[in-house]
Amino acid sequence: MVTIEFTIMNESGLHARPASDFVMEASSYKSDICIRNSSVSSEWVDAKSILSILGLGVESKHKIEIKAEGEDEVEAIQNLKALLEKNINEKTK
């Protein structure tokens, strides 16, 4: 199992568009992938479910944790982190 923590810097948090991108990326892996909003001590939810992710209420500056377990767990975590850094972590203007 691989786990990372990440701070969302986007002023809108993890809203519909970036959450959708995240779900699409997570869904491309065989591993079980979960996410939680550690800033509010939420439960782990399925990272391949848009409704579950939106239900986390991730706002700007919230910390999230992502964990993956399975045959492609390392690749999944690396690419999800890259997606967060590239798209989701951008500050809105």
Foldseek 3Di string as FASTA:
>chain_A
DDKDKDAAAAQAFCDDPNLVVQLVLLVVDPWFKWKAFVQVPGDTDGSNDSVVVVVRVGHHRTMMMMFTDDDCGVVSVVVSVVSSVPPRNDYDD
